[in-house]
Protein backbone atom coordinates (compact mmCIF):
# COMPACT_ATOMS: atom_id res chain seq x y z
CA MET A 1 -0.08 -0.05 0.07
CA ARG A 2 1.22 3.35 -0.81
CA VAL A 3 0.71 6.53 1.27
CA GLU A 4 1.43 9.89 -0.44
CA ILE A 5 1.73 12.86 2.20
CA TRP A 6 1.62 16.46 0.61
CA SER A 7 3.42 18.93 2.98
CA ASP A 8 5.35 22.09 3.18
CA ILE A 9 8.21 22.69 5.66
CA ALA A 10 6.75 25.91 6.72
CA CYS A 11 3.58 24.19 7.82
CA PRO A 12 3.51 23.66 11.66
CA TRP A 13 0.73 21.14 11.43
CA CYS A 14 2.64 19.06 8.68
CA TYR A 15 5.44 18.82 11.23
CA VAL A 16 2.96 17.83 13.95
CA GLY A 17 1.04 15.68 11.30
CA LYS A 18 4.10 13.66 10.36
CA ALA A 19 4.90 12.63 14.00
CA ARG A 20 1.24 11.45 14.44
CA PHE A 21 1.11 9.52 11.40
CA GLU A 22 4.34 7.93 12.00
CA LYS A 23 3.19 6.86 15.53
CA ALA A 24 0.17 5.24 13.83
CA LEU A 25 2.18 3.52 11.27
CA ALA A 26 4.77 2.14 13.82
CA ALA A 27 1.76 0.23 15.62
CA PHE A 28 0.25 -0.73 12.35
CA PRO A 29 0.43 -4.66 11.97
CA HIS A 30 1.20 -4.32 8.03
CA ARG A 31 3.74 -1.50 8.29
CA ASP A 32 6.38 -3.45 6.44
CA GLY A 33 4.01 -3.44 3.43
CA VAL A 34 3.25 0.38 3.55
CA GLU A 35 5.39 2.61 1.14
CA VAL A 36 5.29 6.49 2.21
CA VAL A 37 5.93 8.93 -0.52
CA HIS A 38 6.40 12.53 0.69
CA ARG A 39 5.26 15.14 -2.16
CA SER A 40 5.81 18.87 -2.45
CA PHE A 41 3.23 21.51 -1.66
CA GLU A 42 4.16 25.36 -1.12
CA LEU A 43 1.80 27.43 1.23
CA ASP A 44 3.20 30.64 -0.44
CA PRO A 45 4.21 29.48 -4.01
CA GLY A 46 4.87 32.97 -5.35
CA ARG A 47 6.93 34.39 -2.48
CA ALA A 48 10.38 35.64 -3.52
CA LYS A 49 13.58 33.90 -2.16
CA ASP A 50 14.59 37.14 -0.43
CA ASP A 51 11.08 37.86 1.00
CA VAL A 52 11.67 36.81 4.65
CA GLN A 53 9.72 38.08 7.60
CA PRO A 54 8.80 37.12 11.13
CA VAL A 55 6.17 34.39 11.70
CA LEU A 56 4.15 36.62 13.78
CA THR A 57 4.14 39.45 11.37
CA MET A 58 3.22 37.22 8.50
CA LEU A 59 0.26 35.67 10.55
CA THR A 60 -1.19 39.20 11.43
CA ALA A 61 -0.88 40.50 7.75
CA LYS A 62 -2.17 37.36 6.13
CA TYR A 63 -4.72 36.31 8.26
CA GLY A 64 -5.86 39.60 9.73
CA MET A 65 -5.30 38.45 13.49
CA SER A 66 -4.02 40.46 16.10
CA GLU A 67 -0.49 39.87 17.51
CA ALA A 68 -2.03 38.46 20.71
CA GLN A 69 -4.15 35.97 18.73
CA ALA A 70 -0.89 35.08 16.58
CA ARG A 71 1.10 34.59 20.12
CA ALA A 72 -1.86 32.48 21.39
CA GLY A 73 -1.78 30.47 18.11
CA GLU A 74 1.94 29.78 18.42
CA ASP A 75 1.75 28.74 21.98
CA ASN A 76 -1.19 26.28 21.18
CA LEU A 77 1.02 24.85 18.22
CA GLY A 78 4.05 24.57 20.72
CA ALA A 79 2.02 22.54 23.28
CA GLN A 80 0.65 20.27 20.34
CA ALA A 81 4.30 19.79 19.41
CA ALA A 82 5.38 19.10 22.71
CA ALA A 83 2.70 16.59 23.28
CA GLU A 84 4.29 14.62 20.24
CA GLY A 85 7.75 14.87 21.61
CA LEU A 86 8.85 17.45 19.26
CA ASP A 87 10.67 20.94 19.87
CA TYR A 88 8.86 24.11 19.00
CA ARG A 89 10.05 27.71 19.19
CA THR A 90 7.04 29.76 19.66
CA ARG A 91 8.88 32.97 19.31
CA ASP A 92 11.41 34.62 16.74
CA ARG A 93 11.00 32.30 14.05
CA ASP A 94 11.06 33.43 10.38
CA HIS A 95 8.58 32.65 7.31
CA GLY A 96 9.91 32.68 3.76
CA SER A 97 9.91 30.71 0.42
CA THR A 98 10.33 27.03 0.75
CA PHE A 99 10.79 26.33 -3.02
CA ASP A 100 14.60 25.67 -2.64
CA MET A 101 13.94 23.13 0.20
CA HIS A 102 11.46 21.14 -2.11
CA ARG A 103 13.97 21.09 -4.85
CA LEU A 104 16.58 19.66 -2.42
CA LEU A 105 13.94 17.04 -1.10
CA HIS A 106 13.37 15.76 -4.81
CA LEU A 107 17.36 15.41 -4.95
CA ALA A 108 17.11 13.54 -1.72
CA ARG A 109 14.42 11.06 -3.03
CA GLU A 110 16.74 10.11 -5.67
CA ARG A 111 19.41 9.54 -3.18
CA GLY A 112 17.32 7.50 -0.69
CA ARG A 113 17.50 10.38 1.68
CA HIS A 114 14.29 12.14 1.52
CA ASP A 115 12.74 11.32 4.98
CA ALA A 116 16.10 12.34 6.92
CA LEU A 117 16.26 15.51 4.90
CA LEU A 118 12.70 16.42 5.64
CA ASP A 119 12.99 15.74 9.32
CA ALA A 120 16.34 17.92 9.23
CA PHE A 121 14.27 20.76 7.47
CA TYR A 122 11.35 20.66 10.23
CA ARG A 123 13.76 20.36 12.82
CA ALA A 124 15.57 23.46 11.75
CA ASN A 125 12.73 25.55 10.83
CA PHE A 126 10.52 24.99 13.99
CA ALA A 127 13.19 24.09 16.65
CA GLU A 128 16.29 25.70 15.96
CA GLU A 129 17.56 29.21 15.99
CA ARG A 130 19.28 29.98 12.75
CA SER A 131 16.65 30.70 10.03
CA VAL A 132 16.40 28.20 6.96
CA PHE A 133 15.16 31.02 4.54
CA ASN A 134 17.30 32.86 1.89
CA ASP A 135 20.62 31.09 3.36
CA ASP A 136 21.84 28.71 1.05
CA GLU A 137 24.92 27.46 3.14
CA ARG A 138 22.41 26.87 5.79
CA LEU A 139 20.48 24.45 3.50
CA VAL A 140 23.70 22.72 2.36
CA GLU A 141 24.51 21.88 5.82
CA LEU A 142 21.41 20.54 6.54
CA ALA A 143 21.55 18.46 3.46
CA ALA A 144 25.09 17.08 4.32
CA ALA A 145 23.81 16.17 7.86
CA ALA A 146 21.16 14.23 6.19
CA GLY A 147 23.46 12.23 4.21
CA LEU A 148 23.64 14.21 0.87
CA ASP A 149 26.50 15.23 -0.98
CA PRO A 150 27.16 19.18 -0.19
CA ALA A 151 28.75 19.93 -3.46
CA GLU A 152 25.53 18.24 -5.16
CA ALA A 153 23.21 20.28 -2.97
CA ARG A 154 24.94 23.34 -4.06
CA THR A 155 24.81 22.62 -7.49
CA VAL A 156 21.02 22.08 -7.29
CA LEU A 157 20.74 25.57 -5.43
CA ALA A 158 22.87 27.23 -8.14
CA ASP A 159 20.43 26.17 -10.63
CA PRO A 160 16.83 27.50 -10.03
CA THR A 161 15.42 25.01 -12.97
CA ALA A 162 16.89 21.98 -11.16
CA TYR A 163 13.94 19.78 -9.93
CA ALA A 164 11.48 22.63 -10.44
CA ASP A 165 9.51 20.61 -12.58
CA GLU A 166 9.26 17.86 -10.21
CA VAL A 167 7.91 20.13 -7.43
CA ARG A 168 5.33 21.67 -9.89
CA ALA A 169 4.26 18.40 -10.88
CA ASP A 170 3.72 17.60 -7.33
CA GLU A 171 1.53 20.53 -6.65
CA ARG A 172 -0.65 20.35 -9.72
CA GLU A 173 -1.37 16.57 -8.72
CA ALA A 174 -2.45 18.06 -5.19
CA ALA A 175 -4.73 20.47 -6.79
CA GLN A 176 -6.30 17.60 -9.20
CA LEU A 177 -6.93 15.61 -6.02
CA GLY A 178 -8.69 18.30 -4.45
CA ALA A 179 -6.10 19.18 -1.67
CA THR A 180 -6.49 23.12 -0.79
CA GLY A 181 -4.37 22.57 2.36
CA VAL A 182 -1.81 20.48 3.95
CA PRO A 183 -0.98 18.11 5.33
CA PHE A 184 -2.92 15.85 2.96
CA PHE A 185 -2.59 12.24 3.20
CA VAL A 186 -3.54 9.92 0.35
CA LEU A 187 -3.86 6.29 0.77
CA ASP A 188 -3.62 4.04 -2.19
CA ARG A 189 -5.39 6.71 -4.18
CA ALA A 190 -8.57 5.60 -2.68
CA TYR A 191 -8.62 7.50 0.79
CA GLY A 192 -7.87 11.04 1.64
CA VAL A 193 -7.22 12.30 5.11
CA SER A 194 -6.79 16.09 5.61
CA GLY A 195 -5.00 17.73 8.46
CA ALA A 196 -2.87 16.66 11.44
CA GLN A 197 -5.21 14.22 12.70
CA PRO A 198 -4.72 12.10 16.04
CA ALA A 199 -2.77 9.15 15.63
CA GLU A 200 -6.02 7.12 16.20
CA VAL A 201 -7.49 8.47 13.07
CA PHE A 202 -4.52 7.72 11.02
CA ALA A 203 -4.73 4.28 12.45
CA GLN A 204 -7.99 3.69 11.36
CA ALA A 205 -7.36 5.06 7.95
CA LEU A 206 -4.52 2.85 7.55
CA THR A 207 -6.62 -0.33 8.77
CA GLN A 208 -9.60 0.55 6.52
CA ALA A 209 -7.46 1.33 3.44
CA TRP A 210 -5.52 -2.03 3.79
CA GLY A 211 -8.62 -4.06 4.54
CA GLU A 212 -10.39 -2.90 1.26
CA ARG A 213 -7.67 -3.28 -1.00
CA MET A 214 -8.75 -4.86 -4.23
CA PRO A 215 -7.66 -8.55 -4.39
CA LEU A 216 -6.45 -9.74 -7.69
CA LYS A 217 -8.96 -11.10 -9.77
CA THR A 218 -8.03 -14.08 -12.26
CA VAL A 219 -9.86 -14.15 -15.54
CA ASP A 220 -10.62 -17.86 -16.26
CA ALA A 221 -9.79 -18.58 -19.83
CA GLY A 222 -9.57 -22.39 -19.56
CA ASP A 223 -6.75 -24.46 -19.62
CA ALA A 224 -4.02 -22.28 -21.29
CA ALA A 225 -0.46 -23.25 -21.28
CA VAL A 226 1.76 -22.02 -18.46
CA CYS A 227 5.18 -22.47 -17.26
CA GLY A 228 5.70 -23.26 -13.61
CA PRO A 229 8.44 -24.32 -11.11
CA ASP A 230 8.00 -27.85 -12.62
CA GLY A 231 8.62 -26.79 -16.17
CA CYS A 232 6.27 -25.76 -19.02
CA ALA A 233 3.15 -27.27 -20.24
CA VAL A 234 3.43 -28.45 -23.90
CA PRO A 235 -0.03 -28.71 -25.64
CA GLY A 236 -0.97 -32.24 -26.55
CA ALA A 237 1.71 -33.70 -24.17
CA ASP A 238 1.19 -35.85 -21.07
CA ASN A 239 4.07 -34.25 -19.24
CA PRO A 240 5.63 -30.72 -19.07
CA ARG A 241 8.83 -30.34 -20.78
């Protein structure tokens, strides 16, 4: 079974939702039969690389909330993250473009280091002091820590077209599936789960999707010749050759 997860590094609920989903998956009896694929989604796709601002400023401007409301929301997110064992800085974080991070994540997928780099980006953005926005060397350091070749990461960052099509393809697919926000979980292209649901909800979705997977149906076309462990059947012969 394949589970596809659309998310953005700037999305705190994606950070929390990943931890909750992984808790459910760890307890799922068929977890070894589940392939998890992370896909790109930008909450602010048109944002310029050098357009970086404090999170609280972004929240008040984008959502029309007061600074007190923005602070309260961050405090609530901090508590939700802590409940999942995640560190979360509720103050003095930045917000900016995540496009370059998504491009590096596609490189990491090709190198088998996608999950490690995604975790590194989440941790750096939500728990560490140094900003991840508009700082290529910071991204290179995180890529290297996740097991990527730093020179290869620099090459990708230096070329704005590298993996850009892959990011945009993920985002178009999300739109086609009806995703308007993240995190968005799709199980075997049959079930969708939106938001950072409790682990129990993810567990229920995994169980239901696994149980309703379509079994292989064989078309009976009579005694057609086949090959098996004992050889190949020869039409008209008593024994396989």
